C-alpha atoms as a PDB file:
ATOM      1  CA  UNK A   1      36.559 120.951  79.664  1.00  0.00           C
ATOM      2  CA  UNK A   2      34.774 118.077  78.185  1.00  0.00           C
ATOM      3  CA  UNK A   3      32.986 115.596  80.457  1.00  0.00           C
ATOM      4  CA  UNK A   4      31.762 112.038  80.177  1.00  0.00           C
ATOM      5  CA  UNK A   5      28.476 113.220  78.608  1.00  0.00           C
ATOM      6  CA  UNK A   6      30.390 114.590  75.669  1.00  0.00           C
ATOM      7  CA  UNK A   7      31.535 110.973  75.015  1.00  0.00           C
ATOM      8  CA  UNK A   8      28.381 108.989  75.772  1.00  0.00           C
ATOM      9  CA  UNK A   9      27.792 107.991  72.244  1.00  0.00           C
ATOM     10  CA  UNK A  10      31.331 106.999  71.476  1.00  0.00           C
ATOM     11  CA  UNK A  11      31.706 103.441  70.239  1.00  0.00           C
ATOM     12  CA  UNK A  12      34.599 101.325  71.457  1.00  0.00           C
ATOM     13  CA  UNK A  13      36.490 102.241  68.219  1.00  0.00           C
ATOM     14  CA  UNK A  14      35.832 105.969  68.872  1.00  0.00           C
ATOM     15  CA  UNK A  15      37.174 105.529  72.372  1.00  0.00           C
ATOM     16  CA  UNK A  16      40.301 103.649  71.189  1.00  0.00           C
ATOM     17  CA  UNK A  17      40.985 106.401  68.680  1.00  0.00           C
ATOM     18  CA  UNK A  18      40.491 109.143  71.317  1.00  0.00           C
ATOM     19  CA  UNK A  19      42.871 107.435  73.734  1.00  0.00           C
ATOM     20  CA  UNK A  20      45.659 106.624  71.181  1.00  0.00           C
ATOM     21  CA  UNK A  21      45.973 110.306  70.118  1.00  0.00           C
ATOM     22  CA  UNK A  22      49.281 111.785  71.197  1.00  0.00           C
ATOM     23  CA  UNK A  23      50.407 108.347  72.149  1.00  0.00           C
ATOM     24  CA  UNK A  24      53.732 106.949  70.944  1.00  0.00           C
ATOM     25  CA  UNK A  25      53.149 103.316  71.759  1.00  0.00           C
ATOM     26  CA  UNK A  26      50.343 100.936  72.823  1.00  0.00           C
ATOM     27  CA  UNK A  27      50.361  97.156  73.109  1.00  0.00           C
ATOM     28  CA  UNK A  28      47.712  96.676  70.414  1.00  0.00           C
ATOM     29  CA  UNK A  29      44.479  98.533  69.645  1.00  0.00           C
ATOM     30  CA  UNK A  30      42.550  95.201  69.861  1.00  0.00           C
ATOM     31  CA  UNK A  31      43.913  94.618  73.353  1.00  0.00           C
ATOM     32  CA  UNK A  32      42.847  98.180  74.418  1.00  0.00           C
ATOM     33  CA  UNK A  33      39.407  97.799  72.809  1.00  0.00           C
ATOM     34  CA  UNK A  34      38.876  94.612  74.807  1.00  0.00           C
ATOM     35  CA  UNK A  35      39.869  96.294  78.081  1.00  0.00           C
ATOM     36  CA  UNK A  36      37.511  99.214  77.277  1.00  0.00           C
ATOM     37  CA  UNK A  37      34.592  96.951  76.748  1.00  0.00           C
ATOM     38  CA  UNK A  38      34.700  96.012  80.501  1.00  0.00           C
ATOM     39  CA  UNK A  39      32.320  98.079  82.424  1.00  0.00           C
ATOM     40  CA  UNK A  40      34.426  97.676  85.528  1.00  0.00           C
ATOM     41  CA  UNK A  41      37.625  98.993  84.158  1.00  0.00           C
ATOM     42  CA  UNK A  42      39.580 100.955  86.786  1.00  0.00           C
ATOM     43  CA  UNK A  43      42.859 102.697  85.861  1.00  0.00           C
ATOM     44  CA  UNK A  44      45.345 103.053  88.593  1.00  0.00           C
ATOM     45  CA  UNK A  45      48.474 105.232  88.724  1.00  0.00           C
ATOM     46  CA  UNK A  46      50.875 105.496  91.499  1.00  0.00           C
ATOM     47  CA  UNK A  47      53.172 108.263  92.409  1.00  0.00           C
ATOM     48  CA  UNK A  48      56.365 108.018  94.517  1.00  0.00           C
ATOM     49  CA  UNK A  49      56.026 110.565  97.331  1.00  0.00           C
ATOM     50  CA  UNK A  50      59.797 110.459  98.188  1.00  0.00           C
ATOM     51  CA  UNK A  51      61.025 111.814  94.877  1.00  0.00           C
ATOM     52  CA  UNK A  52      62.939 114.923  95.104  1.00  0.00           C
ATOM     53  CA  UNK A  53      62.152 116.351  91.645  1.00  0.00           C
ATOM     54  CA  UNK A  54      59.073 116.766  89.532  1.00  0.00           C
ATOM     55  CA  UNK A  55      59.303 117.661  85.715  1.00  0.00           C
ATOM     56  CA  UNK A  56      56.951 117.857  82.738  1.00  0.00           C
ATOM     57  CA  UNK A  57      57.186 114.179  82.207  1.00  0.00           C
ATOM     58  CA  UNK A  58      55.079 113.531  85.325  1.00  0.00           C
ATOM     59  CA  UNK A  59      52.270 115.384  83.563  1.00  0.00           C
ATOM     60  CA  UNK A  60      52.012 113.078  80.558  1.00  0.00           C
ATOM     61  CA  UNK A  61      50.363 109.996  82.376  1.00  0.00           C
ATOM     62  CA  UNK A  62      48.095 112.253  84.400  1.00  0.00           C
ATOM     63  CA  UNK A  63      46.740 113.877  81.141  1.00  0.00           C
ATOM     64  CA  UNK A  64      46.198 110.401  79.780  1.00  0.00           C
ATOM     65  CA  UNK A  65      44.289 109.504  82.954  1.00  0.00           C
ATOM     66  CA  UNK A  66      42.090 112.472  82.408  1.00  0.00           C
ATOM     67  CA  UNK A  67      41.150 111.222  78.877  1.00  0.00           C
ATOM     68  CA  UNK A  68      40.065 107.942  80.489  1.00  0.00           C
ATOM     69  CA  UNK A  69      38.119 109.808  82.960  1.00  0.00           C
ATOM     70  CA  UNK A  70      36.474 111.845  80.213  1.00  0.00           C
ATOM     71  CA  UNK A  71      35.254 108.603  78.693  1.00  0.00           C
ATOM     72  CA  UNK A  72      33.629 107.721  81.993  1.00  0.00           C
ATOM     73  CA  UNK A  73      36.183 105.223  83.475  1.00  0.00           C
ATOM     74  CA  UNK A  74      37.101 105.183  87.118  1.00  0.00           C
ATOM     75  CA  UNK A  75      40.540 106.617  87.833  1.00  0.00           C
ATOM     76  CA  UNK A  76      42.462 105.941  91.016  1.00  0.00           C
ATOM     77  CA  UNK A  77      45.450 108.189  91.716  1.00  0.00           C
ATOM     78  CA  UNK A  78      47.642 106.777  94.426  1.00  0.00           C
ATOM     79  CA  UNK A  79      50.350 108.634  96.448  1.00  0.00           C
ATOM     80  CA  UNK A  80      52.106 105.582  97.837  1.00  0.00           C
ATOM     81  CA  UNK A  81      53.000 105.663 101.634  1.00  0.00           C
ATOM     82  CA  UNK A  82      53.352 102.037 102.219  1.00  0.00           C
ATOM     83  CA  UNK A  83      56.250 101.420  99.761  1.00  0.00           C
ATOM     84  CA  UNK A  84      57.760 104.683 100.807  1.00  0.00           C
ATOM     85  CA  UNK A  85      57.899 103.350 104.401  1.00  0.00           C
ATOM     86  CA  UNK A  86      59.396  99.954 103.736  1.00  0.00           C
ATOM     87  CA  UNK A  87      61.574 100.877 100.842  1.00  0.00           C
ATOM     88  CA  UNK A  88      61.964  99.782  97.104  1.00  0.00           C
ATOM     89  CA  UNK A  89      60.668  96.298  96.468  1.00  0.00           C
ATOM     90  CA  UNK A  90      63.078  95.751  93.610  1.00  0.00           C
ATOM     91  CA  UNK A  91      65.727  93.993  95.773  1.00  0.00           C
ATOM     92  CA  UNK A  92      67.632  97.315  96.886  1.00  0.00           C
ATOM     93  CA  UNK A  93      69.012  96.863 100.490  1.00  0.00           C
ATOM     94  CA  UNK A  94      68.373 100.444 101.577  1.00  0.00           C
ATOM     95  CA  UNK A  95      65.142 101.821 102.879  1.00  0.00           C
ATOM     96  CA  UNK A  96      63.911 105.176 101.626  1.00  0.00           C
ATOM     97  CA  UNK A  97      64.529 108.064 103.759  1.00  0.00           C
END
């Protein structure tokens, strides 16, 4: 497994190229490069703990988070409990079970 030391000499362009591998769509490479230049970049990913199913599609963003982590960025993986307790904030009337 690579670690951040393997990528310490990567330029921003190298990092962008590494992150866009196996990616179907990004906003723009320039926007990604600007975000990567920030030393304080933290990537957050939240998971719904009330879901009844898990499938291979759930692994895709986790693998991408690992790539950000390989490059030395901070990753925050959230398993939400607050939203799970109060229900869906999209305007649905029912609370989650």
